[in-house]
Protein backbone atom coordinates (compact mmCIF):
# COMPACT_ATOMS: atom_id res chain seq x y z
CA MET A 1 87.30 155.07 80.89
CA ILE A 2 85.09 153.59 83.58
CA GLU A 3 86.92 152.41 86.69
CA PRO A 4 84.33 150.70 88.88
CA THR A 5 84.71 149.81 92.53
CA VAL A 6 83.64 146.19 92.97
CA THR A 7 81.75 145.21 96.09
CA GLU A 8 82.25 141.94 97.94
CA GLU A 9 80.32 138.81 96.99
CA LYS A 10 76.84 139.01 98.45
CA SER A 11 74.88 136.61 100.62
CA VAL A 12 71.61 136.75 102.52
CA SER A 13 70.87 135.14 105.86
CA VAL A 14 68.08 132.59 106.01
CA ALA A 15 66.27 134.87 108.48
CA GLU A 16 66.35 137.75 105.98
CA PHE A 17 65.25 135.42 103.18
CA CYS A 18 62.23 134.38 105.27
CA ARG A 19 61.28 138.04 105.81
CA LEU A 20 61.61 138.78 102.10
CA ALA A 21 59.88 135.65 100.82
CA ASP A 22 57.04 135.34 103.34
CA PRO A 23 54.71 137.86 101.64
CA SER A 24 55.11 136.04 98.30
CA ILE A 25 55.19 132.34 99.13
CA GLY A 26 54.21 132.11 102.82
CA ILE A 27 57.15 130.77 104.81
CA ASP A 28 56.89 128.76 108.02
CA VAL A 29 59.95 127.66 110.00
CA VAL A 30 59.37 124.14 111.36
CA ALA A 31 62.88 123.12 112.49
CA GLY A 32 66.44 124.39 112.88
CA ARG A 33 65.52 127.85 114.15
CA GLY A 34 68.94 128.20 115.72
CA GLY A 35 70.49 128.63 112.27
CA LEU A 36 68.23 131.38 110.94
CA ASP A 37 70.72 134.18 111.60
CA ASP A 38 73.92 132.16 111.16
CA ARG A 39 73.36 130.42 107.82
CA TYR A 40 73.67 132.31 104.55
CA ILE A 41 72.35 131.79 101.03
CA SER A 42 74.96 132.75 98.43
CA SER A 43 73.36 131.45 95.21
CA ASP A 44 70.09 132.31 93.46
CA ARG A 45 69.85 128.72 92.22
CA VAL A 46 67.27 126.60 94.04
CA GLN A 47 68.18 122.91 93.93
CA LYS A 48 65.67 120.07 94.15
CA LEU A 49 67.19 117.20 96.10
CA GLY A 50 65.81 114.51 93.79
CA LEU A 51 68.37 111.78 93.17
CA ALA A 52 70.60 113.14 95.93
CA LEU A 53 68.27 111.36 98.38
CA ALA A 54 69.21 108.10 96.68
CA GLY A 55 72.90 108.76 97.26
CA PHE A 56 73.79 110.65 94.07
CA ASN A 57 74.82 113.83 95.86
CA ASP A 58 77.90 114.90 93.88
CA TYR A 59 76.04 117.91 92.48
CA VAL A 60 74.55 119.20 95.73
CA ARG A 61 76.12 122.65 95.96
CA PRO A 62 76.74 124.61 99.17
CA GLY A 63 75.08 128.00 99.48
CA ARG A 64 71.91 126.91 97.67
CA ILE A 65 68.43 126.38 99.05
CA GLN A 66 67.65 122.66 98.86
CA MET A 67 64.04 121.90 97.94
CA ILE A 68 61.87 118.91 98.74
CA GLY A 69 58.67 118.51 96.76
CA ASN A 70 56.04 115.87 96.13
CA ASN A 71 58.38 113.48 94.27
CA GLU A 72 60.97 113.56 97.04
CA ILE A 73 58.37 112.99 99.78
CA THR A 74 56.87 110.05 97.85
CA PHE A 75 60.34 108.53 97.51
CA LEU A 76 61.14 109.03 101.20
CA GLU A 77 57.84 107.48 102.30
CA LYS A 78 58.93 104.21 100.71
CA MET A 79 61.91 104.03 103.11
CA ASN A 80 61.88 103.05 106.75
CA SER A 81 62.99 105.50 109.42
CA GLU A 82 66.60 104.28 109.39
CA GLY A 83 66.77 104.66 105.61
CA ARG A 84 65.46 108.23 105.72
CA GLU A 85 67.91 109.20 108.43
CA ALA A 86 70.81 107.69 106.47
CA ALA A 87 69.72 109.52 103.31
CA PHE A 88 69.63 112.89 105.06
CA ARG A 89 72.93 112.38 106.87
CA LYS A 90 74.63 111.48 103.60
CA LEU A 91 73.62 114.87 102.21
CA ASP A 92 76.00 116.64 104.61
CA LEU A 93 73.42 119.28 105.50
CA GLN A 94 76.05 121.28 107.40
CA LYS A 95 76.88 122.96 104.07
CA THR A 96 73.24 123.72 103.29
CA PRO A 97 71.76 127.10 104.28
CA CYS A 98 68.21 125.74 104.54
CA VAL A 99 65.73 123.16 103.24
CA LEU A 100 62.42 124.28 101.71
CA VAL A 101 59.51 121.80 101.64
CA THR A 102 56.77 122.76 99.17
CA LYS A 103 53.06 122.09 98.55
CA GLY A 104 52.21 122.11 102.26
CA LEU A 105 53.84 118.71 102.69
CA LYS A 106 55.03 117.60 106.12
CA PRO A 107 58.82 117.34 106.43
CA PRO A 108 59.99 113.88 107.56
CA LEU A 109 60.57 113.63 111.30
CA GLU A 110 64.14 112.42 110.65
CA LEU A 111 64.92 115.61 108.71
CA LYS A 112 63.53 117.81 111.49
CA GLN A 113 65.57 116.00 114.14
CA ILE A 114 68.82 116.33 112.20
CA ALA A 115 68.02 119.98 111.38
CA ASP A 116 67.47 120.79 115.05
CA ASP A 117 70.71 119.03 115.99
CA ILE A 118 72.88 120.98 113.53
CA ASN A 119 70.77 124.18 113.28
CA VAL A 120 69.79 123.93 109.61
CA PRO A 121 66.46 125.73 109.12
CA VAL A 122 63.66 123.68 107.56
CA LEU A 123 61.05 125.88 105.89
CA THR A 124 57.65 125.04 104.45
CA THR A 125 55.38 126.72 101.91
CA GLN A 126 51.95 125.92 100.51
CA MET A 127 53.14 126.68 96.98
CA VAL A 128 53.98 123.96 94.48
CA SER A 129 57.66 123.52 93.65
CA SER A 130 57.63 125.22 90.24
CA GLN A 131 56.03 128.40 91.59
CA ALA A 132 58.25 128.46 94.66
CA ILE A 133 61.38 128.04 92.51
CA ASN A 134 60.40 130.88 90.17
CA ILE A 135 59.55 133.35 92.94
CA THR A 136 62.52 132.41 95.13
CA THR A 137 64.97 132.58 92.23
CA GLU A 138 63.75 136.02 91.17
CA LEU A 139 63.91 137.31 94.73
CA LEU A 140 67.43 135.99 95.32
CA ARG A 141 68.65 137.10 91.90
CA GLU A 142 67.85 140.70 92.75
CA ARG A 143 69.15 140.43 96.30
CA LEU A 144 72.41 138.68 95.39
CA ALA A 145 73.11 140.55 92.16
CA ARG A 146 76.76 141.51 91.77
CA GLU A 147 77.13 145.22 92.38
CA ILE A 148 79.73 147.82 91.46
CA THR A 149 80.02 151.54 92.14
CA ILE A 150 80.83 153.93 89.31
CA HIS A 151 81.82 157.60 89.34
CA GLY A 152 79.25 159.40 87.24
CA VAL A 153 75.73 160.79 87.01
CA LEU A 154 72.66 158.70 86.24
CA MET A 155 69.61 160.39 84.72
CA GLU A 156 66.15 159.24 83.68
CA MET A 157 65.30 160.88 80.36
CA GLY A 158 61.96 159.99 78.85
CA GLY A 159 62.09 156.51 80.32
CA ILE A 160 65.70 155.95 79.21
CA GLY A 161 68.41 155.43 81.80
CA VAL A 162 71.45 157.52 80.82
CA LEU A 163 74.74 157.08 82.69
CA ILE A 164 77.04 160.07 82.17
CA THR A 165 80.73 159.47 82.88
CA GLY A 166 83.93 161.47 82.60
CA GLU A 167 86.76 162.76 84.74
CA SER A 168 86.14 164.87 87.84
CA GLY A 169 85.40 168.54 87.18
CA ILE A 170 84.35 168.03 83.56
CA GLY A 171 80.79 169.22 84.17
CA LYS A 172 78.68 166.12 84.73
CA SER A 173 76.75 167.47 87.72
CA GLU A 174 76.24 170.89 86.12
CA SER A 175 74.84 169.22 83.00
CA ALA A 176 72.57 167.10 85.20
CA LEU A 177 71.24 170.27 86.83
CA ASP A 178 70.51 171.73 83.41
CA LEU A 179 68.73 168.52 82.39
CA ILE A 180 66.64 168.59 85.57
CA THR A 181 65.41 172.11 84.72
CA ARG A 182 64.28 170.66 81.37
CA GLY A 183 62.07 168.06 83.04
CA HIS A 184 64.40 165.07 83.29
CA ARG A 185 64.98 163.20 86.55
CA LEU A 186 68.05 162.61 88.69
CA VAL A 187 68.77 159.07 89.83
CA ALA A 188 72.31 159.40 91.21
CA ASP A 189 75.15 161.89 91.33
CA ASP A 190 78.85 161.19 91.87
CA ALA A 191 78.50 157.56 93.05
CA VAL A 192 76.23 155.28 91.02
CA ARG A 193 75.49 151.78 92.28
CA VAL A 194 75.14 149.42 89.32
CA LYS A 195 74.03 145.81 89.48
CA ARG A 196 73.24 143.18 86.90
CA ILE A 197 69.94 141.32 87.10
CA GLY A 198 69.54 138.80 84.31
CA SER A 199 70.48 140.57 81.09
CA SER A 200 69.76 144.07 82.44
CA LEU A 201 71.82 146.70 84.24
CA PHE A 202 70.14 148.69 86.99
CA GLY A 203 71.48 151.86 88.58
CA ALA A 204 70.64 153.61 91.84
CA SER A 205 72.08 156.07 94.31
CA PRO A 206 73.61 155.24 97.68
CA LYS A 207 71.09 156.15 100.40
CA LEU A 208 73.30 158.92 101.76
CA THR A 209 73.48 160.90 98.50
CA PHE A 210 70.01 160.14 97.08
CA GLU A 211 68.22 163.29 95.79
CA HIS A 212 71.40 165.39 96.06
CA LEU A 213 73.72 167.06 93.56
CA GLU A 214 77.12 168.55 94.30
CA ILE A 215 77.60 171.74 92.29
CA ARG A 216 80.88 173.61 92.58
CA GLY A 217 80.18 177.11 93.83
CA LEU A 218 76.74 176.14 95.16
CA GLY A 219 77.62 173.18 97.34
CA ILE A 220 75.17 170.37 98.03
CA VAL A 221 71.81 170.84 96.32
CA ASN A 222 68.69 168.93 97.40
CA VAL A 223 66.97 168.33 94.07
CA ARG A 224 63.63 167.20 95.51
CA GLU A 225 63.31 170.28 97.73
CA LEU A 226 64.21 172.69 94.91
CA PHE A 227 62.47 171.09 91.92
CA GLY A 228 59.85 168.78 93.43
CA VAL A 229 59.42 165.06 93.91
CA ALA A 230 59.03 164.52 90.15
CA ALA A 231 62.66 165.60 89.62
CA VAL A 232 64.13 162.48 91.25
CA CYS A 233 63.94 158.76 90.56
CA GLU A 234 65.04 155.94 92.88
CA ASP A 235 66.46 153.57 90.25
CA ILE A 236 66.34 152.78 86.55
CA SER A 237 67.56 150.32 83.95
CA ILE A 238 70.71 151.66 82.29
CA ASP A 239 70.19 151.86 78.51
CA LEU A 240 72.80 154.36 77.33
CA PHE A 241 76.28 155.56 78.30
CA ILE A 242 77.51 159.07 77.50
CA GLU A 243 81.17 159.82 78.20
CA PHE A 244 82.27 163.45 78.48
CA GLN A 245 85.77 163.96 77.08
CA ARG A 246 87.88 167.11 77.23
CA TRP A 247 88.00 168.74 73.83
CA ASP A 248 91.79 168.73 73.55
CA ASP A 249 92.11 165.17 74.85
CA ALA A 250 89.39 163.60 72.72
CA ALA A 251 90.56 161.02 70.23
CA ALA A 252 89.74 161.31 66.54
CA ILE A 253 86.00 161.83 66.36
CA ASP A 254 83.74 160.17 63.82
CA ARG A 255 82.19 163.38 62.49
CA ILE A 256 79.59 161.60 60.37
CA GLY A 257 78.31 159.26 63.07
CA LEU A 258 78.59 155.89 61.34
CA GLU A 259 80.69 154.37 64.10
CA GLN A 260 78.64 153.07 67.00
CA LEU A 261 80.54 152.79 70.28
CA GLU A 262 79.69 150.33 73.03
CA GLN A 263 80.39 150.20 76.76
CA LYS A 264 80.66 146.83 78.48
CA LEU A 265 79.82 146.56 82.17
CA LEU A 266 79.31 143.41 84.25
CA GLY A 267 79.37 141.43 81.01
CA ILE A 268 76.60 143.47 79.36
CA SER A 269 77.15 145.85 76.43
CA ARG A 270 75.23 149.07 75.96
CA ARG A 271 75.32 151.84 73.36
CA LYS A 272 77.74 154.67 74.11
CA PHE A 273 78.32 158.20 72.85
CA ALA A 274 81.60 160.07 73.40
CA LEU A 275 80.96 163.83 73.67
CA PRO A 276 83.90 166.28 73.57
CA VAL A 277 83.12 169.16 75.92
CA ARG A 278 84.47 172.70 76.20
CA PRO A 279 83.15 176.08 77.37
CA GLY A 280 80.42 177.38 75.10
CA ARG A 281 78.99 174.02 74.07
CA ASN A 282 75.42 173.41 75.16
CA ILE A 283 76.09 170.04 76.76
CA ALA A 284 72.56 169.41 78.02
CA THR A 285 71.18 169.86 74.50
CA LEU A 286 73.83 167.49 73.15
CA VAL A 287 72.87 164.87 75.74
CA GLU A 288 69.17 165.22 74.86
CA THR A 289 70.04 164.89 71.17
CA ALA A 290 72.15 161.80 71.84
CA VAL A 291 69.16 160.19 73.55
CA LYS A 292 66.91 161.04 70.59
CA ILE A 293 69.49 159.60 68.15
CA PHE A 294 69.67 156.46 70.29
CA LEU A 295 65.89 156.06 70.15
CA THR A 296 65.63 156.65 66.40
CA GLN A 297 68.48 154.23 65.68
CA ASN A 298 66.76 151.61 67.82
CA ALA A 299 63.68 152.20 65.70
CA GLY A 300 65.72 151.47 62.57
CA PHE A 301 66.67 154.92 61.28
CA ASN A 302 70.30 156.05 61.02
CA ALA A 303 70.74 159.61 59.76
CA ALA A 304 74.41 159.11 58.80
CA ALA A 305 73.72 155.96 56.82
CA ASP A 306 70.68 157.61 55.20
CA MET A 307 72.75 160.62 54.13
CA LEU A 308 75.51 158.44 52.67
CA LEU A 309 72.92 156.44 50.75
CA LYS A 310 71.46 159.62 49.27
CA HIS A 311 74.98 160.85 48.46
CA SER A 312 75.80 157.61 46.67
CA GLU A 313 72.56 157.77 44.72
CA ALA A 314 73.28 161.38 43.73
CA VAL A 315 76.81 160.50 42.59
CA GLY A 316 75.48 157.56 40.61
CA SER A 317 72.80 159.70 39.00
CA ASN A 318 75.34 162.37 37.97
CA SER A 319 77.74 159.80 36.51
CA ASN A 320 74.98 158.31 34.37
CA SER A 321 73.84 161.66 33.00
């Protein structure tokens, strides 16, 4: 049973967003600099102001970047100065982390004045709105992804991310050490940081424990120093869960292998194997075999189903003879 520790909801300051986004979309701050460190983006959704400038602002959400593009500028240019000021004040920009003006367009003077008064950063980029939205959304999605911490070991095995779970002292770290000697790579031991990005789960190690294993009797082991840089991996998409269960505590096991278990985490389901463990079992080999079974089943072959089909055909052939 996985018992994750959930982290707090994430946000990113406008100043940090500018540092992250500048290499991709070229950010310039043209007003409201006083709010760069004090205003926070809490949503990966970028919202074009559009009809909100005409007074339909019921769906302007706090925590989102508000975008002004060519259509909005064209609309605003048809107003006089008083009309533009009224439109911006009606938006209640106090709840907005920042305003992003695209395509190298000049922000209206009225917007810059209000932004300076209330410290709402106004940013500009040379990119068109569609490109800026795509890049900004992807950047924020990764930065703001909900994150949990799980007790387990995460390994990279032939490009597959395998998260091994089970109670303390059951042998997860020892099995990881065995797998490392076989050429697989350690991502995280003991504490695994897991976050959802889109429809994928990604796992990584906390900075403090990265590259380290805790082995009872040996203490803390630096995997990179002992086995080389190729023995560790910073992060990986989680494709498979393997739960170690004590032999005597394991529930009734499907000995044929027709039943396919799943593990759900952050709303995403992944394939899972439950492995009963006890002294004398070669756990690392079982883990490697589970990964191979996972790959062959994904390719469309199921050994258990194939055997049952052959058995049924044999029974049918004997009954007809």
